[in-house]
């Protein structure tokens, strides 16, 4: 509050007038706002999508030109997928939470059927030794990406139903067997990166469900034993582990991609070589526009560009956990934590193996890497998070009491609980004037148009005991008028 001295009249005494302080644009006041979670989700995801479109154009142009294709073709294709993904995000913004919960078990059965069908030769498309896609003609659909989202929503639905009598056994029994079935189907493709991402969803569900920490240690030990068995059964996985530990031991085969990624990051330095001036995208770094696009960002935009990307993922993580903390719906809490752990964990895995801290798993960088169905699905997930943010109690109250702009009405609809009840239309004969205000001469009409009930006349005894109307209207001498009483 700021104060100024203003005179009451010329030559008179002055009084101190309190003026409200101007609102702060940043700081705790803005972070405590009712719509902050929604703004953070949409803002961070929008900036990551913009960076991804620019970098896909830059990283794929040379390879497309060398393959006798238009240099702009991959970037335009990514832009088309982004527009479809924005449409999916708008659909997610309008989905009722109850509808999502009701259809999650059916969606889980559909996903299991899709994972079985993709293993059938002639139905599933096999690329690079893995049968993971459906050929739709205009694009390839990867059911493992859909399985992660459906598992997160179904797990949140089941745990929310068991919240009142939830124990460690009831927490593990519905979720862990389904995770095992989905993991076996993914390993049969094989798609080890999808299994790891599905494990992130499981960790998010169990963490949000209240799993004790000692059980996490047991699960980590079981997962380590399973990974060791898979590495022992598949020699190519052992080669990846060896390349991770010492990529320069086999620079022409197992460590080729990791070494080129490190060279790209080292070449960029602090400021980068400039947008479009990467040397590694001249067919020197495999999958530069998808798996290793973070290396191209480090080469062209430098350490500062990588820092911006990491910061935006940090903002997205903060917004997701904030939604879970401020929501009153248990399903929203569980789903928000599971989705946030999955997205941020997958981003950390991608950036981790690019910089040489993790083995190469082949997972993409969400919202940035080139890809069709994965980008559409990620934007749909962003829409779900924004929808969950709109369901916060403070956000619902803000939508009900504050006027909304045209863009807000178009993109962010008001939840059903915030809609005012429909009042009956008033008719002219229903307008009943109230008592006239003394001295004013005006009448007050009921705002709702409802006819007030007539007072019943008093009985005979009460009529004899009640004073005359004139005596009731005249106040006693010296008596103070009661506020709101008749004058």
Protein backbone atom coordinates (compact mmCIF):
# COMPACT_ATOMS: atom_id res chain seq x y z
CA UNK A 1 0.00 0.00 0.00
CA UNK A 2 1.24 3.49 -0.88
CA UNK A 3 -0.04 6.64 0.85
CA UNK A 4 -0.29 10.24 -0.34
CA UNK A 5 -1.49 13.39 1.39
CA UNK A 6 -4.50 15.09 -0.22
CA UNK A 7 -6.24 18.25 1.07
CA UNK A 8 -9.93 18.05 1.88
CA UNK A 9 -10.61 21.65 0.78
CA UNK A 10 -8.49 24.73 0.00
CA UNK A 11 -6.83 25.91 3.17
CA UNK A 12 -8.17 22.99 5.17
CA UNK A 13 -6.40 20.17 6.88
CA UNK A 14 -5.07 17.21 4.95
CA UNK A 15 -5.81 13.52 5.27
CA UNK A 16 -3.78 10.46 4.34
CA UNK A 17 -5.24 8.52 1.41
CA UNK A 18 -4.23 4.86 1.04
CA UNK A 19 -3.71 3.67 -2.52
CA UNK A 20 -3.34 -0.02 -3.42
CA UNK A 21 0.10 -1.09 -4.59
CA UNK A 22 0.37 -2.01 -8.29
CA UNK A 23 0.11 -5.75 -8.99
CA UNK A 24 3.34 -7.68 -9.40
CA UNK A 25 3.83 -9.58 -12.65
CA UNK A 26 6.23 -12.12 -11.21
CA UNK A 27 6.89 -13.52 -7.79
CA UNK A 28 4.93 -15.37 -5.12
CA UNK A 29 1.74 -13.38 -5.84
CA UNK A 30 1.62 -14.65 -9.42
CA UNK A 31 2.66 -18.19 -8.49
CA UNK A 32 -0.25 -18.40 -6.04
CA UNK A 33 -2.77 -17.46 -8.72
CA UNK A 34 -5.66 -19.83 -9.49
CA UNK A 35 -4.73 -20.27 -13.17
CA UNK A 36 -0.95 -20.47 -12.77
CA UNK A 37 -0.78 -24.25 -13.25
CA UNK A 38 -2.63 -24.08 -16.56
CA UNK A 39 -0.49 -21.19 -17.79
CA UNK A 40 2.73 -22.99 -16.87
CA UNK A 41 1.72 -26.22 -18.63
CA UNK A 42 0.60 -24.54 -21.85
CA UNK A 43 3.49 -22.05 -21.85
CA UNK A 44 6.29 -24.57 -21.26
CA UNK A 45 4.83 -27.10 -23.70
CA UNK A 46 4.28 -24.42 -26.34
CA UNK A 47 7.89 -23.21 -26.14
CA UNK A 48 9.23 -26.77 -26.30
CA UNK A 49 7.06 -27.44 -29.35
CA UNK A 50 8.32 -24.28 -31.07
CA UNK A 51 11.95 -25.24 -30.38
CA UNK A 52 11.26 -28.74 -31.67
CA UNK A 53 9.75 -27.53 -34.95
CA UNK A 54 12.70 -25.22 -35.62
CA UNK A 55 15.27 -27.90 -34.79
CA UNK A 56 13.54 -30.59 -36.87
CA UNK A 57 13.59 -28.24 -39.86
CA UNK A 58 17.30 -27.64 -39.27
CA UNK A 59 18.36 -31.24 -38.50
CA UNK A 60 16.46 -32.97 -41.32
CA UNK A 61 16.97 -30.61 -44.25
CA UNK A 62 20.41 -31.87 -45.32
CA UNK A 63 19.53 -35.55 -45.06
CA UNK A 64 16.36 -35.00 -47.10
CA UNK A 65 18.30 -33.11 -49.79
CA UNK A 66 20.90 -35.87 -49.99
CA UNK A 67 18.06 -38.40 -50.50
CA UNK A 68 16.74 -36.41 -53.51
CA UNK A 69 13.79 -35.03 -51.55
CA UNK A 70 12.78 -31.42 -50.92
CA UNK A 71 14.78 -30.06 -48.03
CA UNK A 72 11.65 -28.67 -46.40
CA UNK A 73 9.60 -31.91 -46.64
CA UNK A 74 10.43 -33.41 -43.18
CA UNK A 75 9.92 -30.09 -41.44
CA UNK A 76 6.55 -29.49 -43.13
CA UNK A 77 5.49 -33.02 -42.21
CA UNK A 78 6.40 -32.35 -38.58
CA UNK A 79 4.42 -29.10 -38.72
CA UNK A 80 1.36 -30.98 -39.98
CA UNK A 81 1.66 -33.47 -37.14
CA UNK A 82 1.98 -30.56 -34.70
CA UNK A 83 -1.27 -29.04 -36.01
CA UNK A 84 -3.01 -32.40 -35.57
CA UNK A 85 -1.53 -32.62 -32.08
CA UNK A 86 -2.85 -29.15 -31.19
CA UNK A 87 -6.30 -30.36 -32.25
CA UNK A 88 -5.88 -33.39 -29.99
CA UNK A 89 -4.85 -31.06 -27.16
CA UNK A 90 -8.05 -29.03 -27.61
CA UNK A 91 -10.07 -32.24 -27.49
CA UNK A 92 -8.34 -33.21 -24.24
CA UNK A 93 -9.12 -29.78 -22.79
CA UNK A 94 -12.85 -30.47 -23.25
CA UNK A 95 -12.89 -34.06 -21.98
CA UNK A 96 -14.81 -34.51 -18.72
CA UNK A 97 -12.79 -36.28 -16.05
CA UNK A 98 -15.59 -38.74 -15.40
CA UNK A 99 -15.62 -39.77 -19.06
CA UNK A 100 -11.87 -40.44 -18.99
CA UNK A 101 -12.23 -42.63 -15.91
CA UNK A 102 -15.23 -44.52 -17.25
CA UNK A 103 -13.55 -45.48 -20.52
CA UNK A 104 -10.06 -46.25 -19.16
CA UNK A 105 -10.74 -50.00 -18.53
CA UNK A 106 -12.14 -50.43 -22.05
CA UNK A 107 -9.16 -48.54 -23.48
CA UNK A 108 -6.82 -50.90 -21.62
CA UNK A 109 -8.43 -53.93 -23.28
CA UNK A 110 -8.14 -52.24 -26.69
CA UNK A 111 -4.44 -51.52 -26.11
CA UNK A 112 -3.75 -55.14 -25.13
CA UNK A 113 -5.46 -56.28 -28.34
CA UNK A 114 -3.36 -53.82 -30.37
CA UNK A 115 -0.13 -55.06 -28.78
CA UNK A 116 -1.12 -58.63 -29.68
CA UNK A 117 -2.04 -57.74 -33.26
CA UNK A 118 1.18 -55.85 -33.90
CA UNK A 119 3.11 -59.08 -33.32
CA UNK A 120 1.26 -60.88 -36.14
CA UNK A 121 3.29 -60.95 -39.40
CA UNK A 122 1.44 -59.17 -42.15
CA UNK A 123 -0.38 -56.90 -39.72
CA UNK A 124 2.48 -55.39 -37.75
CA UNK A 125 5.19 -53.48 -39.62
CA UNK A 126 8.77 -54.59 -38.94
CA UNK A 127 11.49 -51.93 -39.08
CA UNK A 128 15.09 -52.21 -37.87
CA UNK A 129 14.48 -55.71 -36.55
CA UNK A 130 11.46 -54.77 -34.39
CA UNK A 131 7.76 -55.24 -35.12
CA UNK A 132 6.31 -52.19 -33.36
CA UNK A 133 4.11 -50.30 -35.83
CA UNK A 134 0.87 -50.46 -37.79
CA UNK A 135 1.15 -49.17 -41.35
CA UNK A 136 -1.77 -46.74 -41.83
CA UNK A 137 -0.68 -45.70 -45.30
CA UNK A 138 -0.06 -42.05 -44.46
CA UNK A 139 1.77 -42.75 -41.15
CA UNK A 140 2.95 -45.50 -38.82
CA UNK A 141 1.04 -46.00 -35.58
CA UNK A 142 3.00 -47.25 -32.57
CA UNK A 143 0.64 -48.85 -30.02
CA UNK A 144 3.29 -48.84 -27.27
CA UNK A 145 2.96 -45.04 -27.01
CA UNK A 146 -0.79 -45.33 -26.47
CA UNK A 147 -0.22 -48.11 -23.92
CA UNK A 148 1.75 -45.77 -21.63
CA UNK A 149 -1.04 -43.19 -21.45
CA UNK A 150 -3.81 -45.76 -21.04
CA UNK A 151 -1.89 -47.56 -18.29
CA UNK A 152 -1.43 -44.25 -16.42
CA UNK A 153 -5.14 -43.36 -16.62
CA UNK A 154 -6.36 -46.86 -15.80
CA UNK A 155 -3.95 -47.20 -12.87
CA UNK A 156 -5.06 -43.82 -11.48
CA UNK A 157 -8.71 -44.88 -11.82
CA UNK A 158 -8.22 -48.20 -10.02
CA UNK A 159 -6.15 -46.73 -7.18
CA UNK A 160 -8.64 -43.90 -6.71
CA UNK A 161 -11.44 -46.47 -6.32
CA UNK A 162 -9.45 -48.34 -3.66
CA UNK A 163 -8.40 -45.23 -1.76
CA UNK A 164 -10.47 -45.88 1.38
CA UNK A 165 -9.09 -49.38 2.01
CA UNK A 166 -5.76 -49.06 0.22
CA UNK A 167 -2.92 -51.18 1.59
CA UNK A 168 0.41 -52.19 0.15
CA UNK A 169 -1.06 -55.44 -1.18
CA UNK A 170 -4.10 -53.79 -2.71
CA UNK A 171 -1.82 -51.13 -4.19
CA UNK A 172 0.38 -53.69 -5.94
CA UNK A 173 -2.19 -56.32 -6.94
CA UNK A 174 -4.19 -54.44 -9.59
CA UNK A 175 -1.31 -52.47 -11.09
CA UNK A 176 1.68 -54.79 -11.01
CA UNK A 177 0.14 -57.75 -12.93
CA UNK A 178 -1.10 -55.47 -15.71
CA UNK A 179 2.34 -53.90 -15.92
CA UNK A 180 3.86 -57.37 -16.26
CA UNK A 181 1.50 -58.32 -19.11
CA UNK A 182 2.16 -55.11 -21.02
CA UNK A 183 5.91 -55.45 -20.49
CA UNK A 184 5.94 -59.00 -21.85
CA UNK A 185 4.11 -57.87 -24.97
CA UNK A 186 6.55 -54.99 -25.45
CA UNK A 187 9.57 -57.24 -24.97
CA UNK A 188 8.19 -59.58 -27.63
CA UNK A 189 8.31 -56.78 -30.23
CA UNK A 190 11.10 -56.02 -28.93
CA UNK A 191 10.91 -52.48 -27.51
CA UNK A 192 13.06 -52.17 -24.40
CA UNK A 193 12.76 -48.37 -24.30
CA UNK A 194 8.96 -48.62 -24.07
CA UNK A 195 9.31 -51.04 -21.14
CA UNK A 196 11.48 -48.52 -19.30
CA UNK A 197 8.96 -45.71 -20.00
CA UNK A 198 6.13 -47.94 -18.78
CA UNK A 199 8.17 -48.53 -15.63
CA UNK A 200 8.28 -44.77 -15.09
CA UNK A 201 4.48 -44.69 -15.20
CA UNK A 202 4.38 -47.50 -12.63
CA UNK A 203 6.78 -45.63 -10.33
CA UNK A 204 4.62 -42.50 -10.57
CA UNK A 205 1.45 -44.40 -9.69
CA UNK A 206 3.00 -46.20 -6.72
CA UNK A 207 4.67 -43.04 -5.46
CA UNK A 208 1.45 -41.03 -5.63
CA UNK A 209 -0.46 -43.95 -4.11
CA UNK A 210 1.70 -43.85 -0.96
CA UNK A 211 3.98 -46.86 -1.44
CA UNK A 212 6.51 -47.16 1.43
CA UNK A 213 10.10 -46.48 0.45
CA UNK A 214 11.32 -49.96 1.42
CA UNK A 215 9.05 -51.47 -1.21
CA UNK A 216 10.65 -49.26 -3.84
CA UNK A 217 14.00 -50.83 -2.92
CA UNK A 218 12.54 -54.29 -3.44
CA UNK A 219 11.04 -53.33 -6.79
CA UNK A 220 14.33 -51.79 -7.93
CA UNK A 221 16.13 -55.01 -7.06
CA UNK A 222 13.60 -57.11 -9.00
CA UNK A 223 13.85 -54.72 -11.97
CA UNK A 224 17.65 -54.91 -11.93
CA UNK A 225 17.47 -58.71 -11.97
CA UNK A 226 15.02 -58.61 -14.90
CA UNK A 227 17.23 -56.22 -16.85
CA UNK A 228 20.26 -58.42 -16.26
CA UNK A 229 18.33 -61.43 -17.57
CA UNK A 230 17.21 -59.55 -20.70
CA UNK A 231 20.76 -58.38 -21.34
CA UNK A 232 22.02 -61.92 -20.97
CA UNK A 233 19.39 -63.29 -23.38
CA UNK A 234 19.94 -60.62 -26.09
CA UNK A 235 23.57 -60.01 -27.16
CA UNK A 236 22.79 -56.65 -28.78
CA UNK A 237 21.70 -55.28 -25.40
CA UNK A 238 25.04 -56.32 -23.95
CA UNK A 239 26.73 -54.41 -26.79
CA UNK A 240 24.79 -51.29 -25.79
CA UNK A 241 25.90 -51.64 -22.17
CA UNK A 242 29.51 -52.09 -23.29
CA UNK A 243 29.27 -49.08 -25.61
CA UNK A 244 27.91 -47.01 -22.76
CA UNK A 245 30.75 -47.96 -20.42
CA UNK A 246 33.48 -47.38 -23.04
CA UNK A 247 32.19 -46.01 -26.36
CA UNK A 248 35.71 -45.52 -27.74
CA UNK A 249 36.41 -49.26 -27.49
CA UNK A 250 34.27 -49.77 -30.62
CA UNK A 251 34.12 -46.39 -32.38
CA UNK A 252 33.02 -47.82 -35.73
CA UNK A 253 29.99 -49.80 -34.52
CA UNK A 254 28.63 -49.84 -30.98
CA UNK A 255 30.04 -46.49 -29.87
CA UNK A 256 29.67 -44.67 -33.20
CA UNK A 257 26.47 -42.80 -32.38
CA UNK A 258 27.49 -41.95 -28.82
CA UNK A 259 30.87 -40.57 -29.92
CA UNK A 260 29.34 -38.39 -32.66
CA UNK A 261 26.82 -37.03 -30.19
CA UNK A 262 29.57 -36.05 -27.78
CA UNK A 263 31.48 -34.37 -30.61
CA UNK A 264 28.39 -32.35 -31.52
CA UNK A 265 27.99 -31.13 -27.94
CA UNK A 266 31.70 -30.32 -27.64
CA UNK A 267 31.66 -28.37 -30.93
CA UNK A 268 28.77 -26.18 -29.79
CA UNK A 269 30.52 -24.85 -26.70
CA UNK A 270 28.73 -22.07 -24.84
CA UNK A 271 27.08 -20.14 -27.67
CA UNK A 272 26.87 -22.78 -30.42
CA UNK A 273 27.92 -22.62 -34.07
CA UNK A 274 24.68 -20.96 -35.13
CA UNK A 275 21.24 -22.18 -36.19
CA UNK A 276 21.52 -24.31 -39.33
CA UNK A 277 25.33 -24.59 -39.23
CA UNK A 278 25.60 -28.07 -37.72
CA UNK A 279 28.17 -30.37 -39.31
CA UNK A 280 26.92 -33.58 -37.71
CA UNK A 281 23.59 -33.47 -39.56
CA UNK A 282 25.40 -34.14 -42.86
CA UNK A 283 24.78 -37.87 -42.40
CA UNK A 284 27.50 -38.01 -39.75
CA UNK A 285 25.14 -38.54 -36.79
CA UNK A 286 22.45 -41.22 -37.25
CA UNK A 287 18.90 -40.25 -36.27
CA UNK A 288 19.90 -36.64 -35.78
CA UNK A 289 16.31 -35.35 -36.03
CA UNK A 290 14.78 -37.89 -33.65
CA UNK A 291 16.84 -39.75 -31.02
CA UNK A 292 19.84 -37.39 -31.02
CA UNK A 293 18.19 -34.04 -31.66
CA UNK A 294 19.45 -32.81 -28.27
CA UNK A 295 22.99 -33.15 -29.64
CA UNK A 296 22.06 -30.94 -32.61
CA UNK A 297 20.58 -28.39 -30.19
CA UNK A 298 23.85 -28.40 -28.26
CA UNK A 299 25.89 -27.98 -31.44
CA UNK A 300 23.87 -25.16 -33.01
CA UNK A 301 22.58 -23.33 -29.92
CA UNK A 302 25.33 -24.27 -27.48
CA UNK A 303 25.16 -24.84 -23.76
CA UNK A 304 22.70 -21.96 -23.34
CA UNK A 305 20.24 -23.56 -25.75
CA UNK A 306 20.45 -26.86 -23.88
CA UNK A 307 19.96 -24.99 -20.61
CA UNK A 308 16.76 -23.40 -21.94
CA UNK A 309 15.39 -26.82 -22.92
CA UNK A 310 16.23 -28.33 -19.53
CA UNK A 311 14.65 -25.34 -17.74
CA UNK A 312 11.42 -25.71 -19.72
CA UNK A 313 11.19 -29.38 -18.77
CA UNK A 314 11.76 -28.33 -15.17
CA UNK A 315 8.87 -25.85 -15.41
CA UNK A 316 6.66 -28.58 -16.87
CA UNK A 317 7.59 -30.91 -13.99
CA UNK A 318 6.83 -28.20 -11.42
CA UNK A 319 3.45 -27.54 -13.02
CA UNK A 320 2.51 -31.23 -13.08
CA UNK A 321 3.33 -31.77 -9.41
CA UNK A 322 1.61 -28.49 -8.53
CA UNK A 323 -1.59 -29.73 -10.18
CA UNK A 324 -1.42 -32.95 -8.16
CA UNK A 325 -0.83 -31.03 -4.93
CA UNK A 326 -3.65 -28.50 -5.40
CA UNK A 327 -6.32 -30.80 -6.82
CA UNK A 328 -9.12 -32.19 -4.67
CA UNK A 329 -9.82 -35.19 -6.95
CA UNK A 330 -7.81 -38.29 -6.09
CA UNK A 331 -7.89 -39.54 -9.69
CA UNK A 332 -6.47 -36.23 -10.92
CA UNK A 333 -3.71 -36.39 -8.33
CA UNK A 334 -2.63 -39.91 -9.31
CA UNK A 335 -2.88 -39.31 -13.06
CA UNK A 336 -0.99 -36.01 -12.89
CA UNK A 337 1.92 -37.53 -10.98
CA UNK A 338 2.10 -40.59 -13.27
CA UNK A 339 2.01 -38.52 -16.46
CA UNK A 340 4.54 -35.99 -15.16
CA UNK A 341 7.00 -38.67 -14.02
CA UNK A 342 6.66 -40.38 -17.40
CA UNK A 343 7.23 -37.24 -19.53
CA UNK A 344 10.07 -35.78 -17.48
CA UNK A 345 11.66 -39.19 -16.93
CA UNK A 346 11.64 -39.91 -20.67
CA UNK A 347 13.19 -36.50 -21.37
CA UNK A 348 15.87 -37.17 -18.76
CA UNK A 349 16.60 -40.58 -20.32
CA UNK A 350 17.01 -39.06 -23.79
CA UNK A 351 19.27 -36.24 -22.65
CA UNK A 352 21.13 -38.64 -20.37
CA UNK A 353 22.22 -41.02 -23.11
CA UNK A 354 23.05 -38.13 -25.46
CA UNK A 355 25.53 -36.71 -22.96
CA UNK A 356 26.86 -40.19 -22.13
CA UNK A 357 25.39 -40.66 -18.64
CA UNK A 358 22.96 -43.48 -19.56
CA UNK A 359 22.88 -46.37 -22.04
CA UNK A 360 21.20 -45.70 -25.39
CA UNK A 361 17.55 -46.78 -25.13
CA UNK A 362 16.12 -45.13 -28.25
CA UNK A 363 13.43 -43.07 -26.49
CA UNK A 364 12.55 -39.75 -28.06
CA UNK A 365 12.70 -36.28 -26.57
CA UNK A 366 9.05 -35.30 -25.89
CA UNK A 367 7.69 -32.37 -27.92
CA UNK A 368 11.03 -31.88 -29.71
CA UNK A 369 12.06 -35.06 -31.55
CA UNK A 370 10.67 -35.78 -35.00
CA UNK A 371 7.75 -38.20 -34.93
CA UNK A 372 4.09 -38.39 -35.84
CA UNK A 373 2.03 -40.39 -33.37
CA UNK A 374 4.37 -39.66 -30.47
CA UNK A 375 4.02 -35.89 -30.97
CA UNK A 376 0.22 -36.08 -31.24
CA UNK A 377 0.02 -38.24 -28.12
CA UNK A 378 2.33 -35.93 -26.16
CA UNK A 379 0.25 -32.89 -27.03
CA UNK A 380 -2.87 -34.80 -26.01
CA UNK A 381 -1.21 -35.46 -22.64
CA UNK A 382 -0.40 -31.76 -22.30
CA UNK A 383 -4.09 -31.04 -22.90
CA UNK A 384 -5.02 -33.50 -20.16
CA UNK A 385 -2.67 -31.79 -17.72
CA UNK A 386 -4.15 -28.41 -18.58
CA UNK A 387 -7.64 -29.88 -18.15
CA UNK A 388 -6.65 -31.19 -14.73
CA UNK A 389 -5.29 -27.74 -13.87
CA UNK A 390 -8.68 -26.22 -14.72
CA UNK A 391 -10.27 -28.61 -12.21
CA UNK A 392 -8.39 -27.14 -9.24
CA UNK A 393 -10.81 -25.69 -6.65
CA UNK A 394 -9.24 -22.23 -6.90
CA UNK A 395 -9.40 -22.32 -10.70
CA UNK A 396 -13.09 -23.31 -10.67
CA UNK A 397 -13.89 -20.49 -8.27
CA UNK A 398 -11.94 -18.05 -10.43
CA UNK A 399 -13.84 -19.12 -13.55
CA UNK A 400 -17.15 -18.65 -11.74
CA UNK A 401 -16.48 -15.22 -10.25
CA UNK A 402 -14.25 -13.53 -12.83
CA UNK A 403 -15.21 -12.72 -16.41
CA UNK A 404 -13.32 -14.66 -19.04
CA UNK A 405 -12.03 -13.46 -22.38
CA UNK A 406 -13.01 -14.75 -25.79
CA UNK A 407 -9.87 -16.86 -26.19
CA UNK A 408 -10.35 -18.38 -22.74
CA UNK A 409 -13.95 -19.31 -23.55
CA UNK A 410 -12.81 -20.94 -26.79
CA UNK A 411 -9.88 -22.97 -25.49
CA UNK A 412 -10.56 -23.47 -21.80
CA UNK A 413 -14.22 -24.29 -21.11
CA UNK A 414 -15.75 -23.86 -17.69
CA UNK A 415 -16.24 -27.14 -15.77
CA UNK A 416 -19.78 -28.30 -15.18
CA UNK A 417 -19.63 -27.53 -11.46
CA UNK A 418 -18.99 -23.86 -12.20
CA UNK A 419 -22.06 -23.33 -14.40
CA UNK A 420 -24.83 -21.32 -12.73
CA UNK A 421 -28.23 -23.02 -12.55
CA UNK A 422 -30.78 -21.93 -15.13
CA UNK A 423 -33.39 -19.66 -13.64
CA UNK A 424 -37.01 -19.67 -14.91
CA UNK A 425 -37.96 -16.84 -17.22
CA UNK A 426 -39.90 -14.08 -15.50
CA UNK A 427 -43.36 -13.12 -16.68
CA UNK A 428 -44.86 -9.64 -16.29
CA UNK A 429 -47.59 -10.90 -13.96
CA UNK A 430 -44.95 -12.43 -11.63
CA UNK A 431 -43.36 -9.10 -10.84
CA UNK A 432 -44.56 -8.25 -7.32
CA UNK A 433 -43.40 -4.93 -5.87
CA UNK A 434 -41.99 -4.90 -2.39
CA UNK A 435 -42.73 -2.20 0.16
CA UNK A 436 -41.87 1.31 -0.92
CA UNK A 437 -38.90 2.89 0.75
CA UNK A 438 -39.98 5.79 2.91
CA UNK A 439 -39.12 9.11 1.39
CA UNK A 440 -37.84 7.63 -1.89
CA UNK A 441 -41.03 6.81 -3.65
CA UNK A 442 -39.48 3.90 -5.62
CA UNK A 443 -40.38 0.24 -5.49
CA UNK A 444 -38.09 -2.77 -5.42
CA UNK A 445 -38.91 -5.84 -7.51
CA UNK A 446 -37.74 -9.34 -6.59
CA UNK A 447 -34.61 -10.22 -8.60
CA UNK A 448 -35.71 -13.81 -9.19
CA UNK A 449 -39.21 -12.90 -10.26
CA UNK A 450 -40.69 -15.27 -7.70
CA UNK A 451 -43.87 -14.29 -5.89
CA UNK A 452 -43.20 -13.94 -2.16
CA UNK A 453 -45.61 -15.87 0.06
CA UNK A 454 -48.41 -13.82 1.53
CA UNK A 455 -48.51 -13.41 5.24
CA UNK A 456 -51.37 -15.18 6.96
CA UNK A 457 -53.64 -12.88 8.95
CA UNK A 458 -53.19 -13.26 12.70
CA UNK A 459 -55.72 -15.09 14.78
CA UNK A 460 -58.35 -13.31 16.86
CA UNK A 461 -56.33 -13.28 20.08
CA UNK A 462 -53.18 -12.16 18.33
CA UNK A 463 -55.15 -9.47 16.47
CA UNK A 464 -56.42 -8.07 19.79
CA UNK A 465 -52.92 -8.06 21.34
CA UNK A 466 -51.10 -6.53 18.36
CA UNK A 467 -50.77 -2.73 18.31
CA UNK A 468 -52.36 -0.71 15.54
CA UNK A 469 -50.33 -0.18 12.33
CA UNK A 470 -49.63 3.46 13.16
CA UNK A 471 -48.19 2.50 16.53
CA UNK A 472 -45.96 -0.12 14.94
CA UNK A 473 -44.54 2.32 12.43
CA UNK A 474 -43.74 5.08 14.98
CA UNK A 475 -40.47 4.42 16.84
CA UNK A 476 -40.26 5.13 20.55
CA UNK A 477 -38.90 8.58 21.49
CA UNK A 478 -35.13 8.52 21.75
CA UNK A 479 -34.83 4.96 20.51
CA UNK A 480 -32.16 4.25 17.91
CA UNK A 481 -33.24 2.86 14.59
CA UNK A 482 -32.21 -0.71 14.00
CA UNK A 483 -30.23 -1.21 10.77
CA UNK A 484 -32.35 -2.79 8.10
CA UNK A 485 -35.63 -2.32 10.02
CA UNK A 486 -38.68 -0.38 8.83
CA UNK A 487 -38.46 3.39 8.94
